[in-house]
């Protein structure tokens, strides 16, 4: 059984902890902000902050459990901090998720309960595939993305890096979503979108341009 340290002690940490335990990991501890050290997340102690990462690189693998809705900057910063310390990332696939043997999942990515990743799909590093997401055949998800609960990414769709796709959204087959794009919950993206900003609706249109 492999030891695992979770970095970030909020609600997303609880979801990942449950998935990791279902996949056979032993939770070594949680790293969070200084004022929370000594507290517990689902009976697992917060044992330090991200400044303590180097002390644990020989004791456990890591996964980032800070959430991401509007901005992935904190998740990316922590990912880089683990890499710089020589730490190893776990790839978490919940026991009730399905990942095809013909799919690729990057390091540090979490595939939560009831998620489905079909043949030929490629998912990058430090990605959240949240509960009941569906990544269809030959789809590509870039690094540091969050595909939120119940979202459908159809076949041959390409999602760039650092994107957030809100809950219950649908991405049509063969379209592309550029880097640094947010898609609001319940949206239908039926054609390629490339300009950075926030999109929503059915069909999804640009609501707020990135500054």
Foldseek 3Di string as FASTA:
>chain_A
DFEEEEEAQDDLVLQQVQQQVQVPYDYPAYAYDPVQAQPDRVNGGHHYHLVCLLVCQVPGAYAYRDDDAQFLVVVVVSVVSNVVSVHFFDETEGPQEEADPQEAAEGREHAGHLEYAEHLEYEYHNEYNEANEYHEHNEYHEESEYEYANEYEYACEYEYYGEYEAANEYEDHNAYEAYQEYEYHPEYDDHHDHFHAYWYDDPTDHDGGDD
